[in-house]
PDB file of all heavy atoms in Angstrom:
ATOM      1  N   PRO A   1       7.013  -9.073   9.371  1.00  0.00           N
ATOM      2  CA  PRO A   1       6.646  -8.619   8.029  1.00  0.00           C
ATOM      3  C   PRO A   1       7.210  -9.638   7.019  1.00  0.00           C
ATOM      4  O   PRO A   1       8.245 -10.251   7.258  1.00  0.00           O
ATOM      5  CB  PRO A   1       7.269  -7.229   7.876  1.00  0.00           C
ATOM      6  CG  PRO A   1       8.198  -7.089   9.034  1.00  0.00           C
ATOM      7  CD  PRO A   1       7.870  -8.104  10.051  1.00  0.00           C
ATOM      8  N   LEU A   2       6.529  -9.734   5.886  1.00  0.00           N
ATOM      9  CA  LEU A   2       7.000 -10.616   4.820  1.00  0.00           C
ATOM     10  C   LEU A   2       8.275 -10.076   4.208  1.00  0.00           C
ATOM     11  O   LEU A   2       8.489  -8.888   4.076  1.00  0.00           O
ATOM     12  CB  LEU A   2       5.928 -10.713   3.703  1.00  0.00           C
ATOM     13  CG  LEU A   2       4.623 -11.350   4.093  1.00  0.00           C
ATOM     14  CD1 LEU A   2       3.628 -11.268   2.926  1.00  0.00           C
ATOM     15  CD2 LEU A   2       4.811 -12.778   4.491  1.00  0.00           C
ATOM     16  N   ASP A   3       9.123 -11.015   3.817  1.00  0.00           N
ATOM     17  CA  ASP A   3      10.364 -10.604   3.109  1.00  0.00           C
ATOM     18  C   ASP A   3       9.982 -10.339   1.655  1.00  0.00           C
ATOM     19  O   ASP A   3       9.075 -10.980   1.067  1.00  0.00           O
ATOM     20  CB  ASP A   3      11.363 -11.741   3.131  1.00  0.00           C
ATOM     21  CG  ASP A   3      11.939 -11.997   4.528  1.00  0.00           C
ATOM     22  OD1 ASP A   3      11.998 -11.020   5.321  1.00  0.00           O
ATOM     23  OD2 ASP A   3      12.241 -13.133   4.853  1.00  0.00           O
ATOM     24  N   ALA A   4      10.657  -9.385   1.074  1.00  0.00           N
ATOM     25  CA  ALA A   4      10.418  -9.051  -0.332  1.00  0.00           C
ATOM     26  C   ALA A   4      10.765 -10.252  -1.174  1.00  0.00           C
ATOM     27  O   ALA A   4      11.769 -10.929  -0.980  1.00  0.00           O
ATOM     28  CB  ALA A   4      11.280  -7.837  -0.748  1.00  0.00           C
ATOM     29  N   LYS A   5       9.888 -10.559  -2.162  1.00  0.00           N
ATOM     30  CA  LYS A   5      10.139 -11.668  -3.061  1.00  0.00           C
ATOM     31  C   LYS A   5      10.680 -11.236  -4.428  1.00  0.00           C
ATOM     32  O   LYS A   5      10.986 -12.044  -5.265  1.00  0.00           O
ATOM     33  CB  LYS A   5       8.793 -12.399  -3.311  1.00  0.00           C
ATOM     34  CG  LYS A   5       8.154 -12.876  -2.060  1.00  0.00           C
ATOM     35  CD  LYS A   5       8.946 -13.973  -1.347  1.00  0.00           C
ATOM     36  CE  LYS A   5       8.194 -14.465  -0.153  1.00  0.00           C
ATOM     37  NZ  LYS A   5       9.015 -14.946   0.923  1.00  0.00           N
ATOM     38  N   GLY A   6      10.792  -9.932  -4.625  1.00  0.00           N
ATOM     39  CA  GLY A   6      11.279  -9.460  -5.885  1.00  0.00           C
ATOM     40  C   GLY A   6      11.841  -8.059  -5.759  1.00  0.00           C
ATOM     41  O   GLY A   6      11.881  -7.500  -4.620  1.00  0.00           O
ATOM     42  N   PRO A   7      12.286  -7.457  -6.825  1.00  0.00           N
ATOM     43  CA  PRO A   7      12.881  -6.126  -6.791  1.00  0.00           C
ATOM     44  C   PRO A   7      11.931  -5.032  -6.397  1.00  0.00           C
ATOM     45  O   PRO A   7      10.728  -5.090  -6.722  1.00  0.00           O
ATOM     46  CB  PRO A   7      13.452  -5.937  -8.215  1.00  0.00           C
ATOM     47  CG  PRO A   7      12.620  -6.816  -9.053  1.00  0.00           C
ATOM     48  CD  PRO A   7      12.216  -7.973  -8.196  1.00  0.00           C
ATOM     49  N   ASP A   8      12.444  -4.035  -5.722  1.00  0.00           N
ATOM     50  CA  ASP A   8      11.690  -2.815  -5.389  1.00  0.00           C
ATOM     51  C   ASP A   8      12.040  -1.798  -6.428  1.00  0.00           C
ATOM     52  O   ASP A   8      13.193  -1.417  -6.563  1.00  0.00           O
ATOM     53  CB  ASP A   8      12.103  -2.354  -4.004  1.00  0.00           C
ATOM     54  CG  ASP A   8      11.374  -1.106  -3.531  1.00  0.00           C
ATOM     55  OD1 ASP A   8      10.567  -0.565  -4.339  1.00  0.00           O
ATOM     56  OD2 ASP A   8      11.629  -0.647  -2.406  1.00  0.00           O
ATOM     57  N   TYR A   9      11.075  -1.327  -7.174  1.00  0.00           N
ATOM     58  CA  TYR A   9      11.307  -0.382  -8.233  1.00  0.00           C
ATOM     59  C   TYR A   9      11.286   1.074  -7.750  1.00  0.00           C
ATOM     60  O   TYR A   9      11.374   1.994  -8.534  1.00  0.00           O
ATOM     61  CB  TYR A   9      10.293  -0.559  -9.391  1.00  0.00           C
ATOM     62  CG  TYR A   9      10.352  -1.988  -9.925  1.00  0.00           C
ATOM     63  CD1 TYR A   9       9.272  -2.834  -9.802  1.00  0.00           C
ATOM     64  CD2 TYR A   9      11.494  -2.467 -10.571  1.00  0.00           C
ATOM     65  CE1 TYR A   9       9.314  -4.137 -10.310  1.00  0.00           C
ATOM     66  CE2 TYR A   9      11.547  -3.777 -11.030  1.00  0.00           C
ATOM     67  CZ  TYR A   9      10.445  -4.550 -10.926  1.00  0.00           C
ATOM     68  OH  TYR A   9      10.495  -5.848 -11.393  1.00  0.00           O
ATOM     69  N   GLY A  10      11.161   1.272  -6.466  1.00  0.00           N
ATOM     70  CA  GLY A  10      11.188   2.630  -5.890  1.00  0.00           C
ATOM     71  C   GLY A  10       9.845   3.291  -5.923  1.00  0.00           C
ATOM     72  O   GLY A  10       8.874   2.727  -6.433  1.00  0.00           O
ATOM     73  N   ASN A  11       9.789   4.474  -5.370  1.00  0.00           N
ATOM     74  CA  ASN A  11       8.540   5.263  -5.316  1.00  0.00           C
ATOM     75  C   ASN A  11       8.437   6.048  -6.654  1.00  0.00           C
ATOM     76  O   ASN A  11       9.200   6.956  -6.880  1.00  0.00           O
ATOM     77  CB  ASN A  11       8.562   6.205  -4.121  1.00  0.00           C
ATOM     78  CG  ASN A  11       7.241   6.972  -4.016  1.00  0.00           C
ATOM     79  OD1 ASN A  11       6.285   6.616  -4.649  1.00  0.00           O
ATOM     80  ND2 ASN A  11       7.229   8.005  -3.214  1.00  0.00           N
ATOM     81  N   ARG A  12       7.499   5.601  -7.502  1.00  0.00           N
ATOM     82  CA  ARG A  12       7.339   6.252  -8.767  1.00  0.00           C
ATOM     83  C   ARG A  12       5.907   6.757  -8.885  1.00  0.00           C
ATOM     84  O   ARG A  12       4.980   5.930  -8.900  1.00  0.00           O
ATOM     85  CB  ARG A  12       7.659   5.225  -9.910  1.00  0.00           C
ATOM     86  CG  ARG A  12       9.099   4.706  -9.806  1.00  0.00           C
ATOM     87  CD  ARG A  12       9.332   3.531 -10.698  1.00  0.00           C
ATOM     88  NE  ARG A  12       8.373   2.466 -10.440  1.00  0.00           N
ATOM     89  CZ  ARG A  12       7.840   1.668 -11.426  1.00  0.00           C
ATOM     90  NH1 ARG A  12       8.182   1.819 -12.634  1.00  0.00           N
ATOM     91  NH2 ARG A  12       6.995   0.719 -11.104  1.00  0.00           N
ATOM     92  N   PRO A  13       5.732   8.060  -8.963  1.00  0.00           N
ATOM     93  CA  PRO A  13       4.362   8.625  -9.022  1.00  0.00           C
ATOM     94  C   PRO A  13       3.559   8.026 -10.169  1.00  0.00           C
ATOM     95  O   PRO A  13       4.017   7.916 -11.273  1.00  0.00           O
ATOM     96  CB  PRO A  13       4.610  10.114  -9.240  1.00  0.00           C
ATOM     97  CG  PRO A  13       5.993  10.360  -8.722  1.00  0.00           C
ATOM     98  CD  PRO A  13       6.748   9.100  -9.008  1.00  0.00           C
ATOM     99  N   GLY A  14       2.361   7.587  -9.835  1.00  0.00           N
ATOM    100  CA  GLY A  14       1.448   7.024 -10.802  1.00  0.00           C
ATOM    101  C   GLY A  14       1.662   5.575 -11.109  1.00  0.00           C
ATOM    102  O   GLY A  14       0.835   4.937 -11.781  1.00  0.00           O
ATOM    103  N   MET A  15       2.714   4.983 -10.573  1.00  0.00           N
ATOM    104  CA  MET A  15       2.987   3.580 -10.834  1.00  0.00           C
ATOM    105  C   MET A  15       2.636   2.733  -9.585  1.00  0.00           C
ATOM    106  O   MET A  15       2.511   3.285  -8.496  1.00  0.00           O
ATOM    107  CB  MET A  15       4.454   3.411 -11.220  1.00  0.00           C
ATOM    108  CG  MET A  15       4.886   4.216 -12.397  1.00  0.00           C
ATOM    109  SD  MET A  15       3.887   3.935 -13.870  1.00  0.00           S
ATOM    110  CE  MET A  15       4.561   2.350 -14.447  1.00  0.00           C
ATOM    111  N   ALA A  16       2.477   1.458  -9.794  1.00  0.00           N
ATOM    112  CA  ALA A  16       2.122   0.542  -8.689  1.00  0.00           C
ATOM    113  C   ALA A  16       3.164   0.656  -7.588  1.00  0.00           C
ATOM    114  O   ALA A  16       4.377   0.731  -7.851  1.00  0.00           O
ATOM    115  CB  ALA A  16       2.029  -0.878  -9.196  1.00  0.00           C
ATOM    116  N   SER A  17       2.705   0.662  -6.363  1.00  0.00           N
ATOM    117  CA  SER A  17       3.621   0.745  -5.192  1.00  0.00           C
ATOM    118  C   SER A  17       4.277  -0.589  -4.961  1.00  0.00           C
ATOM    119  O   SER A  17       3.857  -1.635  -5.438  1.00  0.00           O
ATOM    120  CB  SER A  17       2.856   1.182  -3.958  1.00  0.00           C
ATOM    121  OG  SER A  17       1.969   0.097  -3.537  1.00  0.00           O
ATOM    122  N   PHE A  18       5.335  -0.542  -4.172  1.00  0.00           N
ATOM    123  CA  PHE A  18       6.022  -1.776  -3.798  1.00  0.00           C
ATOM    124  C   PHE A  18       5.066  -2.763  -3.062  1.00  0.00           C
ATOM    125  O   PHE A  18       5.086  -3.953  -3.363  1.00  0.00           O
ATOM    126  CB  PHE A  18       7.221  -1.458  -2.860  1.00  0.00           C
ATOM    127  CG  PHE A  18       7.980  -2.666  -2.422  1.00  0.00           C
ATOM    128  CD1 PHE A  18       8.712  -3.422  -3.350  1.00  0.00           C
ATOM    129  CD2 PHE A  18       7.971  -3.081  -1.114  1.00  0.00           C
ATOM    130  CE1 PHE A  18       9.417  -4.540  -2.923  1.00  0.00           C
ATOM    131  CE2 PHE A  18       8.699  -4.173  -0.677  1.00  0.00           C
ATOM    132  CZ  PHE A  18       9.402  -4.902  -1.611  1.00  0.00           C
ATOM    133  N   ALA A  19       4.206  -2.214  -2.194  1.00  0.00           N
ATOM    134  CA  ALA A  19       3.255  -3.051  -1.500  1.00  0.00           C
ATOM    135  C   ALA A  19       2.272  -3.725  -2.485  1.00  0.00           C
ATOM    136  O   ALA A  19       1.959  -4.921  -2.342  1.00  0.00           O
ATOM    137  CB  ALA A  19       2.472  -2.212  -0.472  1.00  0.00           C
ATOM    138  N   GLN A  20       1.791  -3.004  -3.488  1.00  0.00           N
ATOM    139  CA  GLN A  20       0.875  -3.570  -4.486  1.00  0.00           C
ATOM    140  C   GLN A  20       1.646  -4.698  -5.234  1.00  0.00           C
ATOM    141  O   GLN A  20       1.036  -5.770  -5.463  1.00  0.00           O
ATOM    142  CB  GLN A  20       0.455  -2.531  -5.488  1.00  0.00           C
ATOM    143  CG  GLN A  20      -0.629  -1.594  -4.991  1.00  0.00           C
ATOM    144  CD  GLN A  20      -1.036  -0.591  -6.094  1.00  0.00           C
ATOM    145  OE1 GLN A  20      -0.185   0.052  -6.668  1.00  0.00           O
ATOM    146  NE2 GLN A  20      -2.333  -0.463  -6.304  1.00  0.00           N
ATOM    147  N   ILE A  21       2.857  -4.413  -5.639  1.00  0.00           N
ATOM    148  CA  ILE A  21       3.610  -5.407  -6.427  1.00  0.00           C
ATOM    149  C   ILE A  21       3.837  -6.685  -5.609  1.00  0.00           C
ATOM    150  O   ILE A  21       3.663  -7.780  -6.128  1.00  0.00           O
ATOM    151  CB  ILE A  21       4.953  -4.795  -6.941  1.00  0.00           C
ATOM    152  CG1 ILE A  21       4.673  -3.739  -7.977  1.00  0.00           C
ATOM    153  CG2 ILE A  21       5.887  -5.876  -7.427  1.00  0.00           C
ATOM    154  CD1 ILE A  21       5.862  -2.931  -8.402  1.00  0.00           C
ATOM    155  N   GLU A  22       4.210  -6.496  -4.342  1.00  0.00           N
ATOM    156  CA  GLU A  22       4.409  -7.720  -3.510  1.00  0.00           C
ATOM    157  C   GLU A  22       3.125  -8.468  -3.303  1.00  0.00           C
ATOM    158  O   GLU A  22       3.112  -9.688  -3.269  1.00  0.00           O
ATOM    159  CB  GLU A  22       5.007  -7.298  -2.163  1.00  0.00           C
ATOM    160  CG  GLU A  22       6.488  -6.973  -2.320  1.00  0.00           C
ATOM    161  CD  GLU A  22       7.362  -8.140  -2.785  1.00  0.00           C
ATOM    162  OE1 GLU A  22       7.373  -9.173  -2.154  1.00  0.00           O
ATOM    163  OE2 GLU A  22       7.997  -7.967  -3.861  1.00  0.00           O
ATOM    164  N   LEU A  23       1.982  -7.771  -3.127  1.00  0.00           N
ATOM    165  CA  LEU A  23       0.706  -8.436  -2.947  1.00  0.00           C
ATOM    166  C   LEU A  23       0.356  -9.183  -4.222  1.00  0.00           C
ATOM    167  O   LEU A  23      -0.151 -10.301  -4.177  1.00  0.00           O
ATOM    168  CB  LEU A  23      -0.370  -7.429  -2.589  1.00  0.00           C
ATOM    169  CG  LEU A  23      -1.780  -8.006  -2.366  1.00  0.00           C
ATOM    170  CD1 LEU A  23      -1.792  -9.128  -1.335  1.00  0.00           C
ATOM    171  CD2 LEU A  23      -2.757  -6.914  -1.990  1.00  0.00           C
ATOM    172  N   ILE A  24       0.566  -8.589  -5.416  1.00  0.00           N
ATOM    173  CA  ILE A  24       0.299  -9.288  -6.649  1.00  0.00           C
ATOM    174  C   ILE A  24       1.137 -10.540  -6.736  1.00  0.00           C
ATOM    175  O   ILE A  24       0.610 -11.598  -7.128  1.00  0.00           O
ATOM    176  CB  ILE A  24       0.550  -8.325  -7.844  1.00  0.00           C
ATOM    177  CG1 ILE A  24      -0.479  -7.222  -7.860  1.00  0.00           C
ATOM    178  CG2 ILE A  24       0.574  -9.076  -9.122  1.00  0.00           C
ATOM    179  CD1 ILE A  24      -0.173  -6.059  -8.795  1.00  0.00           C
TER     180      ILE A  24
END
């Protein structure tokens, strides 16, 4: 799996997921 390139903002309802943020 890819290593995270930035901070994980946690699971926040209604907000972009960690996977979405990393893909962006």
